[in-house]
């Protein structure tokens, strides 16, 4: 599994949440963490 250093980018913002993630080995965007915003 390659690590291109893209695991900490914000892939989406919605419903008072930040979606952090990156690309998996197939180049698809996967969400790793969801951070709520107050």
PDB file of N, CA and C in Angstrom:
ATOM      1  N   UNK A   1       0.846  -1.195   0.000  1.00  0.00           N
ATOM      2  CA  UNK A   1       0.000   0.000   0.000  1.00  0.00           C
ATOM      3  C   UNK A   1       0.879   1.242   0.000  1.00  0.00           C
ATOM      4  N   UNK A   2       0.657   2.100  -0.960  1.00  0.00           N
ATOM      5  CA  UNK A   2       1.493   3.287  -1.058  1.00  0.00           C
ATOM      6  C   UNK A   2       0.939   4.403  -0.180  1.00  0.00           C
ATOM      7  N   UNK A   3       1.830   5.268   0.252  1.00  0.00           N
ATOM      8  CA  UNK A   3       1.416   6.412   1.051  1.00  0.00           C
ATOM      9  C   UNK A   3       1.928   7.659   0.351  1.00  0.00           C
ATOM     10  N   UNK A   4       1.024   8.324  -0.344  1.00  0.00           N
ATOM     11  CA  UNK A   4       1.435   9.492  -1.103  1.00  0.00           C
ATOM     12  C   UNK A   4       1.359  10.784  -0.311  1.00  0.00           C
ATOM     13  N   UNK A   5       1.071  10.669   0.991  1.00  0.00           N
ATOM     14  CA  UNK A   5       0.995  11.858   1.818  1.00  0.00           C
ATOM     15  C   UNK A   5      -0.287  12.635   1.637  1.00  0.00           C
ATOM     16  N   UNK A   6      -1.320  11.978   1.095  1.00  0.00           N
ATOM     17  CA  UNK A   6      -2.576  12.676   0.846  1.00  0.00           C
ATOM     18  C   UNK A   6      -3.643  12.303   1.867  1.00  0.00           C
ATOM     19  N   UNK A   7      -3.242  11.659   2.950  1.00  0.00           N
ATOM     20  CA  UNK A   7      -4.220  11.132   3.892  1.00  0.00           C
ATOM     21  C   UNK A   7      -4.820  12.216   4.784  1.00  0.00           C
ATOM     22  N   UNK A   8      -4.236  13.408   4.761  1.00  0.00           N
ATOM     23  CA  UNK A   8      -4.699  14.450   5.680  1.00  0.00           C
ATOM     24  C   UNK A   8      -5.335  15.629   4.969  1.00  0.00           C
ATOM     25  N   UNK A   9      -5.805  15.426   3.765  1.00  0.00           N
ATOM     26  CA  UNK A   9      -6.444  16.548   3.090  1.00  0.00           C
ATOM     27  C   UNK A   9      -7.936  16.530   3.365  1.00  0.00           C
ATOM     28  N   UNK A  10      -8.524  17.713   3.277  1.00  0.00           N
ATOM     29  CA  UNK A  10      -9.972  17.817   3.465  1.00  0.00           C
ATOM     30  C   UNK A  10     -10.642  17.422   2.156  1.00  0.00           C
ATOM     31  N   UNK A  11     -11.452  16.372   2.231  1.00  0.00           N
ATOM     32  CA  UNK A  11     -12.086  15.884   1.011  1.00  0.00           C
ATOM     33  C   UNK A  11     -13.528  16.351   0.898  1.00  0.00           C
ATOM     34  N   UNK A  12     -14.066  16.896   1.988  1.00  0.00           N
ATOM     35  CA  UNK A  12     -15.438  17.381   1.896  1.00  0.00           C
ATOM     36  C   UNK A  12     -15.829  18.159   3.130  1.00  0.00           C
ATOM     37  N   UNK A  13     -16.769  19.079   2.949  1.00  0.00           N
ATOM     38  CA  UNK A  13     -17.302  19.857   4.060  1.00  0.00           C
ATOM     39  C   UNK A  13     -18.823  19.821   3.942  1.00  0.00           C
ATOM     40  N   UNK A  14     -19.500  19.409   5.021  1.00  0.00           N
ATOM     41  CA  UNK A  14     -20.948  19.369   4.939  1.00  0.00           C
ATOM     42  C   UNK A  14     -21.581  19.082   6.287  1.00  0.00           C
ATOM     43  N   UNK A  15     -22.729  19.678   6.517  1.00  0.00           N
ATOM     44  CA  UNK A  15     -23.526  19.430   7.715  1.00  0.00           C
ATOM     45  C   UNK A  15     -22.710  19.632   8.985  1.00  0.00           C
ATOM     46  N   UNK A  16     -21.970  20.765   9.024  1.00  0.00           N
ATOM     47  CA  UNK A  16     -21.141  21.139  10.181  1.00  0.00           C
ATOM     48  C   UNK A  16     -20.099  20.074  10.497  1.00  0.00           C
ATOM     49  N   UNK A  17     -19.574  19.435   9.455  1.00  0.00           N
ATOM     50  CA  UNK A  17     -18.520  18.443   9.650  1.00  0.00           C
ATOM     51  C   UNK A  17     -17.427  18.628   8.605  1.00  0.00           C
ATOM     52  N   UNK A  18     -16.204  18.328   9.018  1.00  0.00           N
ATOM     53  CA  UNK A  18     -15.083  18.287   8.087  1.00  0.00           C
ATOM     54  C   UNK A  18     -14.756  16.819   7.808  1.00  0.00           C
ATOM     55  N   UNK A  19     -14.599  16.486   6.548  1.00  0.00           N
ATOM     56  CA  UNK A  19     -14.251  15.123   6.176  1.00  0.00           C
ATOM     57  C   UNK A  19     -12.786  15.087   5.749  1.00  0.00           C
ATOM     58  N   UNK A  20     -11.978  14.432   6.569  1.00  0.00           N
ATOM     59  CA  UNK A  20     -10.570  14.269   6.252  1.00  0.00           C
ATOM     60  C   UNK A  20     -10.354  12.897   5.649  1.00  0.00           C
ATOM     61  N   UNK A  21      -9.488  12.838   4.646  1.00  0.00           N
ATOM     62  CA  UNK A  21      -9.224  11.552   4.028  1.00  0.00           C
ATOM     63  C   UNK A  21      -8.149  11.678   2.975  1.00  0.00           C
ATOM     64  N   UNK A  22      -8.224  10.799   1.990  1.00  0.00           N
ATOM     65  CA  UNK A  22      -7.246  10.816   0.924  1.00  0.00           C
ATOM     66  C   UNK A  22      -7.611   9.784  -0.116  1.00  0.00           C
ATOM     67  N   UNK A  23      -6.667   9.562  -1.020  1.00  0.00           N
ATOM     68  CA  UNK A  23      -6.909   8.600  -2.084  1.00  0.00           C
ATOM     69  C   UNK A  23      -6.418   7.220  -1.649  1.00  0.00           C
ATOM     70  N   UNK A  24      -7.233   6.202  -1.942  1.00  0.00           N
ATOM     71  CA  UNK A  24      -6.769   4.846  -1.684  1.00  0.00           C
ATOM     72  C   UNK A  24      -5.945   4.350  -2.879  1.00  0.00           C
ATOM     73  N   UNK A  25      -5.627   3.083  -2.894  1.00  0.00           N
ATOM     74  CA  UNK A  25      -4.732   2.559  -3.917  1.00  0.00           C
ATOM     75  C   UNK A  25      -5.364   2.608  -5.305  1.00  0.00           C
ATOM     76  N   UNK A  26      -6.688   2.683  -5.370  1.00  0.00           N
ATOM     77  CA  UNK A  26      -7.380   2.739  -6.659  1.00  0.00           C
ATOM     78  C   UNK A  26      -7.614   4.170  -7.129  1.00  0.00           C
ATOM     79  N   UNK A  27      -7.164   5.154  -6.329  1.00  0.00           N
ATOM     80  CA  UNK A  27      -7.336   6.538  -6.707  1.00  0.00           C
ATOM     81  C   UNK A  27      -8.696   7.094  -6.335  1.00  0.00           C
ATOM     82  N   UNK A  28      -9.463   6.298  -5.587  1.00  0.00           N
ATOM     83  CA  UNK A  28     -10.770   6.775  -5.146  1.00  0.00           C
ATOM     84  C   UNK A  28     -10.623   7.508  -3.823  1.00  0.00           C
ATOM     85  N   UNK A  29     -11.472   8.499  -3.614  1.00  0.00           N
ATOM     86  CA  UNK A  29     -11.412   9.275  -2.375  1.00  0.00           C
ATOM     87  C   UNK A  29     -12.074   8.486  -1.256  1.00  0.00           C
ATOM     88  N   UNK A  30     -11.328   8.302  -0.178  1.00  0.00           N
ATOM     89  CA  UNK A  30     -11.888   7.620   0.982  1.00  0.00           C
ATOM     90  C   UNK A  30     -11.784   8.532   2.193  1.00  0.00           C
ATOM     91  N   UNK A  31     -12.809   8.514   3.012  1.00  0.00           N
ATOM     92  CA  UNK A  31     -12.840   9.362   4.199  1.00  0.00           C
ATOM     93  C   UNK A  31     -12.252   8.591   5.368  1.00  0.00           C
ATOM     94  N   UNK A  32     -11.257   9.165   6.009  1.00  0.00           N
ATOM     95  CA  UNK A  32     -10.601   8.515   7.137  1.00  0.00           C
ATOM     96  C   UNK A  32     -11.168   8.994   8.471  1.00  0.00           C
ATOM     97  N   UNK A  33     -11.451  10.285   8.552  1.00  0.00           N
ATOM     98  CA  UNK A  33     -11.936  10.857   9.811  1.00  0.00           C
ATOM     99  C   UNK A  33     -13.020  11.867   9.517  1.00  0.00           C
ATOM    100  N   UNK A  34     -13.962  11.979  10.437  1.00  0.00           N
ATOM    101  CA  UNK A  34     -14.988  13.013  10.360  1.00  0.00           C
ATOM    102  C   UNK A  34     -14.869  13.866  11.613  1.00  0.00           C
ATOM    103  N   UNK A  35     -14.666  15.168  11.430  1.00  0.00           N
ATOM    104  CA  UNK A  35     -14.450  16.080  12.548  1.00  0.00           C
ATOM    105  C   UNK A  35     -15.643  17.015  12.657  1.00  0.00           C
ATOM    106  N   UNK A  36     -16.385  16.939  13.755  1.00  0.00           N
ATOM    107  CA  UNK A  36     -17.532  17.837  13.918  1.00  0.00           C
ATOM    108  C   UNK A  36     -17.092  19.268  14.207  1.00  0.00           C
ATOM    109  N   UNK A  37     -17.880  20.213  13.732  1.00  0.00           N
ATOM    110  CA  UNK A  37     -17.608  21.633  13.962  1.00  0.00           C
ATOM    111  C   UNK A  37     -18.762  22.206  14.773  1.00  0.00           C
ATOM    112  N   UNK A  38     -18.426  22.832  15.871  1.00  0.00           N
ATOM    113  CA  UNK A  38     -19.468  23.439  16.702  1.00  0.00           C
ATOM    114  C   UNK A  38     -19.732  24.869  16.260  1.00  0.00           C
TER     115      UNK A  38
END
